[in-house]
Amino acid sequence: MWGLPVLLAACSNDAGGGQQAQVPLPTGHYEGPVSYQGSELRVSLDLREVSPGKLQADVSFPQLPGLEFEADRLTYQEPQLRLEQQAGQAGGISIQAIREGDFLRGLLSFDSVRADFVWVRRGEAGPRGFREQGLTVRYAGRVQAARLLLPDDTLRLHPAVALLTVPQTQAAAQARAAYLARRGFVTMVVTTPSPTATPDSSAYYATAAALTTLRRQAAVDSGRVGCWARGSVVPQVAGAAARARPAAAFVVLESVAAASRDEASQYQPLSQQRIPVLALYAGLDTSLNVRESTRRLRSVLGNRRGTQIRTYPQATADFVQPGKLGADGQWQWPKPAPGYWDGLTEWLRKVTN
């Protein structure tokens, strides 16, 4: 569930033909380029054995900060490595490689792009910038596993963000949780069932429980705890954030459908409780009416201190600018919407200081 599948370590015959020797796992820091239509992109891959027989993979692109991710699917059968992130979806990434000593040779698929590569091992995997701790969140008769990320620093107390998600947006929540944890925020992702036609208050109760759970953590400043949500669970998360006691210190909302008066009115409690809100929209998101939603949401939330509504015009629903051919014929790789990550981090620091 958290991108740490059981890794299949292969065995090889020894010279005697009768004994089996365990092949070491391909742990370490690998790096190298991929090239496509005249454009080169550097890639770093960190492979760690997090428990006997289990690998964890972090992929980053030094030229494109904000696109790094932990693979949500990973398998290794000597000598073949395969890892994926949002496979089969727009913007999905997969890596297939053959291990050849200290090299990985294979194919990277990035959305519609396919590029061959050879990466070399450059020592041990580097630090992640945060520590991970498993815990449970209890709400409405459920016991939900969650993952707490703690910044790897020396501060005693930190602001914290509860990221509420459904399976369809879990990868986005995890990416934001890791990014923010590396920048001084305690984060926790809680995945709830997808809302159905039948009224379901799971996300509402999960939000209240997540805020309470975070406030009880020794590394968290209980007065600086807020939440993040995207898509279908946003109305319930917003309602719980406003009605919790104490209320959430801040709320980040992505892709809020608020094109009708009834939809927009669901966010009135945030304004009534004077909770700072950051509402983010992607201009190329076709799942909702961005222009009308921003207009109505701005009317409901008003111009209270700390509240902002931003639209990234050339971004897809994942707040990424799609890859394309430039005027010079060279490929321009997909990249985070300019200002998205810096804007998110700066806003959070402002409302939690």
Protein backbone atom coordinates (compact mmCIF):
# COMPACT_ATOMS: atom_id res chain seq x y z
CA MET A 1 0.00 0.00 0.00
CA TRP A 2 2.84 2.38 0.78
CA GLY A 3 5.13 1.55 -2.14
CA LEU A 4 7.05 -1.16 -0.29
CA PRO A 5 6.08 -4.45 -1.96
CA VAL A 6 7.83 -7.69 -1.17
CA LEU A 7 10.92 -7.92 -3.30
CA LEU A 8 11.72 -11.22 -4.93
CA ALA A 9 15.43 -11.91 -4.50
CA ALA A 10 16.62 -14.46 -7.01
CA CYS A 11 19.08 -17.26 -6.36
CA SER A 12 21.93 -18.39 -8.60
CA ASN A 13 23.76 -21.69 -8.91
CA ASP A 14 27.27 -21.96 -7.55
CA ALA A 15 30.09 -23.68 -9.36
CA GLY A 16 29.15 -27.02 -7.85
CA GLY A 17 25.72 -26.87 -9.37
CA GLY A 18 24.01 -28.14 -6.23
CA GLN A 19 24.04 -25.17 -3.84
CA GLN A 20 22.08 -21.94 -4.11
CA ALA A 21 23.64 -18.58 -3.24
CA GLN A 22 21.55 -15.58 -2.34
CA VAL A 23 22.09 -12.67 -4.73
CA PRO A 24 22.60 -9.35 -2.91
CA LEU A 25 19.88 -6.82 -3.52
CA PRO A 26 20.81 -3.88 -5.81
CA THR A 27 20.78 -1.28 -3.04
CA GLY A 28 22.58 2.03 -3.46
CA HIS A 29 22.49 5.38 -5.23
CA TYR A 30 22.28 5.18 -9.04
CA GLU A 31 22.40 8.11 -11.40
CA GLY A 32 22.68 8.94 -15.06
CA PRO A 33 20.90 10.65 -17.95
CA VAL A 34 18.00 9.84 -20.23
CA SER A 35 17.79 11.53 -23.63
CA TYR A 36 14.84 12.21 -25.90
CA GLN A 37 14.76 14.25 -29.10
CA GLY A 38 17.90 16.18 -28.28
CA SER A 39 17.09 16.87 -24.64
CA GLU A 40 18.89 15.23 -21.71
CA LEU A 41 17.42 14.74 -18.25
CA ARG A 42 19.42 13.63 -15.21
CA VAL A 43 17.85 10.95 -13.03
CA SER A 44 18.76 9.71 -9.55
CA LEU A 45 17.51 6.43 -8.09
CA ASP A 46 18.00 5.46 -4.45
CA LEU A 47 17.31 1.82 -3.57
CA ARG A 48 17.18 0.81 0.10
CA GLU A 49 16.49 -2.48 1.83
CA VAL A 50 14.03 -1.31 4.48
CA SER A 51 13.54 -4.78 5.96
CA PRO A 52 14.80 -8.23 4.97
CA GLY A 53 13.74 -8.86 1.37
CA LYS A 54 11.96 -5.51 0.87
CA LEU A 55 13.18 -2.65 -1.28
CA GLN A 56 12.17 0.97 -1.29
CA ALA A 57 12.84 3.20 -4.30
CA ASP A 58 13.08 6.99 -4.43
CA VAL A 59 13.37 8.59 -7.87
CA SER A 60 14.34 12.23 -8.37
CA PHE A 61 15.18 14.55 -11.22
CA PRO A 62 17.82 17.10 -10.07
CA GLN A 63 16.87 19.51 -12.88
CA LEU A 64 13.17 19.34 -11.97
CA PRO A 65 12.74 19.61 -8.19
CA GLY A 66 9.22 18.69 -7.15
CA LEU A 67 8.85 15.69 -9.48
CA GLU A 68 10.59 13.27 -7.10
CA PHE A 69 8.58 10.30 -5.89
CA GLU A 70 8.65 7.04 -3.98
CA ALA A 71 7.65 4.19 -6.29
CA ASP A 72 4.23 2.81 -5.43
CA ARG A 73 5.04 -0.50 -7.14
CA LEU A 74 8.41 -2.21 -7.12
CA THR A 75 9.59 -5.70 -7.97
CA TYR A 76 13.03 -7.22 -8.36
CA GLN A 77 13.71 -10.65 -9.82
CA GLU A 78 17.44 -11.01 -10.43
CA PRO A 79 18.56 -9.34 -12.62
CA GLN A 80 15.34 -7.46 -13.53
CA LEU A 81 14.11 -4.36 -11.70
CA ARG A 82 10.74 -2.77 -12.34
CA LEU A 83 9.18 0.20 -10.58
CA GLU A 84 6.16 2.35 -11.30
CA GLN A 85 4.40 5.50 -10.17
CA GLN A 86 0.79 6.04 -11.27
CA ALA A 87 1.24 3.50 -14.04
CA GLY A 88 -1.37 3.77 -16.79
CA GLN A 89 -2.41 7.27 -15.77
CA ALA A 90 -1.57 10.59 -17.37
CA GLY A 91 1.89 11.60 -16.19
CA GLY A 92 2.71 8.09 -15.03
CA ILE A 93 6.34 6.95 -14.82
CA SER A 94 7.80 3.46 -15.05
CA ILE A 95 11.36 2.15 -15.06
CA GLN A 96 12.43 -1.28 -16.30
CA ALA A 97 16.08 -2.20 -15.91
CA ILE A 98 18.56 -5.05 -16.01
CA ARG A 99 21.24 -5.10 -13.36
CA GLU A 100 24.75 -5.51 -14.78
CA GLY A 101 27.21 -5.31 -11.90
CA ASP A 102 27.23 -1.67 -10.76
CA PHE A 103 25.09 -0.58 -13.71
CA LEU A 104 21.39 -0.51 -14.47
CA ARG A 105 20.50 -0.66 -18.15
CA GLY A 106 16.92 -0.20 -19.24
CA LEU A 107 13.96 1.87 -20.36
CA LEU A 108 12.24 4.84 -18.69
CA SER A 109 8.65 5.59 -19.67
CA PHE A 110 7.52 9.10 -18.74
CA ASP A 111 3.94 9.65 -19.86
CA SER A 112 4.19 9.12 -23.66
CA VAL A 113 8.00 9.29 -23.81
CA ARG A 114 10.21 6.19 -23.98
CA ALA A 115 13.96 6.60 -23.42
CA ASP A 116 16.81 4.09 -23.00
CA PHE A 117 19.35 4.63 -20.23
CA VAL A 118 22.46 3.32 -18.52
CA TRP A 119 22.86 4.40 -14.89
CA VAL A 120 25.84 3.73 -12.65
CA ARG A 121 25.93 3.03 -8.92
CA ARG A 122 27.58 5.86 -6.97
CA GLY A 123 27.80 4.51 -3.45
CA GLU A 124 25.10 4.06 -0.84
CA ALA A 125 21.63 5.55 -1.01
CA GLY A 126 21.55 9.04 0.44
CA PRO A 127 19.50 10.23 3.43
CA ARG A 128 15.81 10.89 2.78
CA GLY A 129 15.59 14.05 4.85
CA PHE A 130 12.92 12.63 7.15
CA ARG A 131 12.18 9.69 9.41
CA GLU A 132 9.17 7.42 9.00
CA GLN A 133 6.90 6.06 11.68
CA GLY A 134 3.83 3.85 11.32
CA LEU A 135 0.73 4.53 13.39
CA THR A 136 -3.03 4.06 13.35
CA VAL A 137 -5.90 6.51 13.17
CA ARG A 138 -9.21 5.45 14.72
CA TYR A 139 -12.50 6.93 13.56
CA ALA A 140 -16.13 5.85 13.09
CA GLY A 141 -15.39 2.27 14.14
CA ARG A 142 -12.46 1.98 11.71
CA VAL A 143 -8.77 1.48 12.39
CA GLN A 144 -6.78 3.06 9.57
CA ALA A 145 -3.06 2.57 9.04
CA ALA A 146 -1.19 5.81 8.43
CA ARG A 147 2.40 6.89 7.89
CA LEU A 148 3.95 9.71 9.88
CA LEU A 149 6.93 11.53 8.37
CA LEU A 150 9.16 13.44 10.79
CA PRO A 151 11.70 16.01 9.56
CA ASP A 152 15.27 14.89 10.12
CA ASP A 153 16.32 18.01 12.02
CA THR A 154 17.01 19.16 15.55
CA LEU A 155 13.87 21.23 16.18
CA ARG A 156 11.75 20.14 19.12
CA LEU A 157 8.36 21.17 17.73
CA HIS A 158 7.12 21.39 14.15
CA PRO A 159 4.01 22.52 12.30
CA ALA A 160 2.07 19.55 10.91
CA VAL A 161 -0.14 18.70 7.95
CA ALA A 162 -2.71 15.91 7.78
CA LEU A 163 -3.19 14.90 4.14
CA LEU A 164 -6.60 13.34 3.54
CA THR A 165 -6.92 11.34 0.37
CA VAL A 166 -8.76 8.61 -1.50
CA PRO A 167 -6.94 5.85 -3.42
CA GLN A 168 -7.10 7.82 -6.69
CA THR A 169 -5.15 10.76 -5.23
CA GLN A 170 -2.93 8.86 -2.81
CA ALA A 171 0.22 9.27 -4.92
CA ALA A 172 -0.24 13.05 -4.97
CA ALA A 173 -0.74 13.12 -1.20
CA GLN A 174 2.36 11.02 -0.58
CA ALA A 175 4.47 13.23 -2.86
CA ARG A 176 3.36 16.33 -0.97
CA ALA A 177 3.90 14.66 2.39
CA ALA A 178 7.51 13.76 1.54
CA TYR A 179 8.25 17.16 0.00
CA LEU A 180 6.97 19.04 3.05
CA ALA A 181 8.64 16.68 5.54
CA ARG A 182 11.99 17.50 3.94
CA ARG A 183 11.21 21.17 4.59
CA GLY A 184 10.35 21.07 8.26
CA PHE A 185 6.72 19.91 8.44
CA VAL A 186 5.51 16.77 10.17
CA THR A 187 3.13 15.10 7.73
CA MET A 188 0.67 12.23 7.83
CA VAL A 189 -1.31 10.69 4.96
CA VAL A 190 -4.68 9.11 5.75
CA THR A 191 -6.49 7.29 2.93
CA THR A 192 -10.28 7.02 3.15
CA PRO A 193 -12.73 5.13 0.90
CA SER A 194 -13.83 6.96 -2.24
CA PRO A 195 -17.18 8.74 -1.76
CA THR A 196 -20.12 6.99 -3.41
CA ALA A 197 -23.67 7.96 -4.27
CA THR A 198 -24.64 6.80 -0.78
CA PRO A 199 -23.90 9.48 1.83
CA ASP A 200 -20.66 8.58 3.56
CA SER A 201 -19.02 10.65 6.29
CA SER A 202 -15.76 8.66 6.41
CA ALA A 203 -13.57 11.55 5.28
CA TYR A 204 -15.23 13.89 7.79
CA TYR A 205 -14.47 11.66 10.77
CA ALA A 206 -11.05 10.72 9.39
CA THR A 207 -10.10 14.41 9.22
CA ALA A 208 -11.11 15.06 12.83
CA ALA A 209 -9.24 11.95 13.98
CA ALA A 210 -6.13 12.83 11.94
CA LEU A 211 -5.96 16.33 13.45
CA THR A 212 -6.28 14.87 16.95
CA THR A 213 -3.66 12.19 16.27
CA LEU A 214 -1.15 14.73 14.97
CA ARG A 215 -1.66 17.05 17.93
CA ARG A 216 -0.68 14.22 20.26
CA GLN A 217 2.68 13.62 18.61
CA ALA A 218 5.67 14.70 20.68
CA ALA A 219 7.34 16.45 17.72
CA VAL A 220 4.25 18.49 16.79
CA ASP A 221 3.25 21.97 17.91
CA SER A 222 -0.44 21.30 18.61
CA GLY A 223 -1.39 24.87 17.76
CA ARG A 224 0.02 24.64 14.22
CA VAL A 225 -1.80 21.64 12.76
CA GLY A 226 -3.79 21.87 9.54
CA CYS A 227 -4.88 19.70 6.63
CA TRP A 228 -4.67 19.19 2.87
CA ALA A 229 -7.19 17.58 0.54
CA ARG A 230 -7.90 17.21 -3.15
CA GLY A 231 -10.92 16.26 -5.19
CA SER A 232 -14.00 14.40 -4.02
CA VAL A 233 -13.24 14.41 -0.27
CA VAL A 234 -12.65 18.15 -0.06
CA PRO A 235 -16.15 19.15 1.18
CA GLN A 236 -16.00 16.70 4.08
CA VAL A 237 -12.42 17.64 4.96
CA ALA A 238 -13.27 21.34 4.93
CA GLY A 239 -16.31 20.78 7.14
CA ALA A 240 -14.36 18.74 9.68
CA ALA A 241 -11.46 21.21 9.69
CA ALA A 242 -13.85 24.04 10.58
CA ARG A 243 -15.87 22.14 13.18
CA ALA A 244 -13.00 20.37 14.96
CA ARG A 245 -12.23 21.56 18.48
CA PRO A 246 -9.88 23.25 18.19
CA ALA A 247 -10.36 24.03 14.50
CA ALA A 248 -7.58 23.36 12.01
CA ALA A 249 -4.93 26.09 11.95
CA PHE A 250 -4.98 26.18 8.14
CA VAL A 251 -6.41 24.30 5.16
CA VAL A 252 -4.95 23.60 1.70
CA LEU A 253 -7.51 22.59 -0.94
CA GLU A 254 -6.74 21.42 -4.46
CA SER A 255 -9.21 21.16 -7.34
CA VAL A 256 -12.26 22.33 -5.37
CA ALA A 257 -15.51 21.96 -7.33
CA ALA A 258 -17.44 25.10 -6.38
CA ALA A 259 -19.12 26.14 -9.64
CA SER A 260 -22.63 26.21 -8.15
CA ARG A 261 -23.96 28.13 -5.16
CA ASP A 262 -24.64 24.89 -3.26
CA GLU A 263 -21.10 23.58 -3.89
CA ALA A 264 -19.47 26.84 -2.83
CA SER A 265 -21.58 27.16 0.32
CA GLN A 266 -19.91 24.04 1.74
CA TYR A 267 -16.80 26.15 2.40
CA GLN A 268 -18.58 28.91 4.30
CA PRO A 269 -17.62 27.37 7.69
CA LEU A 270 -13.94 27.92 6.88
CA SER A 271 -14.60 31.63 6.49
CA GLN A 272 -16.78 31.76 9.59
CA GLN A 273 -13.99 30.20 11.66
CA ARG A 274 -11.42 32.57 10.12
CA ILE A 275 -9.25 29.66 9.00
CA PRO A 276 -6.55 30.61 6.45
CA VAL A 277 -7.24 28.74 3.20
CA LEU A 278 -5.00 28.13 0.20
CA ALA A 279 -7.11 26.94 -2.75
CA LEU A 280 -5.15 25.73 -5.78
CA TYR A 281 -6.43 25.11 -9.29
CA ALA A 282 -4.82 23.75 -12.46
CA GLY A 283 -5.88 25.52 -15.63
CA LEU A 284 -5.87 22.35 -17.75
CA ASP A 285 -7.92 20.35 -15.25
CA THR A 286 -11.03 19.26 -17.17
CA SER A 287 -12.72 17.56 -14.20
CA LEU A 288 -14.32 20.81 -13.04
CA ASN A 289 -15.17 24.36 -14.11
CA VAL A 290 -12.06 26.15 -12.91
CA ARG A 291 -13.11 29.71 -13.76
CA GLU A 292 -16.53 29.55 -12.14
CA SER A 293 -15.24 27.58 -9.15
CA THR A 294 -12.56 30.16 -8.37
CA ARG A 295 -15.07 33.01 -8.71
CA ARG A 296 -17.62 31.51 -6.35
CA LEU A 297 -15.05 30.23 -3.86
CA ARG A 298 -13.44 33.66 -3.68
CA SER A 299 -16.85 35.15 -2.94
CA VAL A 300 -17.44 32.66 -0.11
CA LEU A 301 -13.99 32.83 1.48
CA GLY A 302 -13.61 36.58 1.08
CA ASN A 303 -10.35 38.45 1.47
CA ARG A 304 -9.43 37.31 4.94
CA ARG A 305 -5.82 37.49 5.97
CA GLY A 306 -3.89 34.45 4.82
CA THR A 307 -6.53 33.18 2.40
CA GLN A 308 -5.45 32.87 -1.23
CA ILE A 309 -6.88 31.33 -4.39
CA ARG A 310 -4.40 30.57 -7.16
CA THR A 311 -4.70 29.12 -10.65
CA TYR A 312 -1.76 27.68 -12.60
CA PRO A 313 -2.86 28.24 -16.22
CA GLN A 314 -0.72 25.72 -18.13
CA ALA A 315 -0.83 22.92 -15.55
CA THR A 316 -2.59 19.57 -15.69
CA ALA A 317 -4.64 18.26 -12.77
CA ASP A 318 -1.39 17.10 -11.10
CA PHE A 319 0.00 20.66 -11.27
CA VAL A 320 2.53 19.62 -13.90
CA GLN A 321 3.20 21.31 -17.23
CA PRO A 322 3.10 18.62 -19.95
CA GLY A 323 6.15 17.85 -22.01
CA LYS A 324 6.28 19.25 -25.54
CA LEU A 325 8.55 20.03 -28.47
CA GLY A 326 10.14 23.45 -28.24
CA ALA A 327 10.52 25.91 -31.11
CA ASP A 328 14.07 24.62 -31.60
CA GLY A 329 12.82 21.05 -32.07
CA GLN A 330 14.17 19.86 -28.71
CA TRP A 331 11.98 18.07 -26.21
CA GLN A 332 10.92 20.00 -23.14
CA TRP A 333 10.39 17.56 -20.30
CA PRO A 334 7.29 17.71 -18.09
CA LYS A 335 7.91 19.94 -15.09
CA PRO A 336 6.09 21.18 -11.99
CA ALA A 337 3.92 24.22 -12.60
CA PRO A 338 6.22 27.22 -12.01
CA GLY A 339 5.65 28.54 -8.52
CA TYR A 340 3.54 25.62 -7.30
CA TRP A 341 5.96 24.06 -4.81
CA ASP A 342 7.62 27.27 -3.67
CA GLY A 343 4.24 28.94 -3.32
CA LEU A 344 2.83 26.08 -1.25
CA THR A 345 5.82 25.97 1.08
CA GLU A 346 6.04 29.74 1.52
CA TRP A 347 2.31 30.02 2.28
CA LEU A 348 2.49 27.23 4.87
CA ARG A 349 5.47 28.83 6.57
CA LYS A 350 3.71 32.18 6.66
CA VAL A 351 0.51 30.88 8.27
CA THR A 352 2.37 28.69 10.78
CA ASN A 353 4.85 31.32 12.01
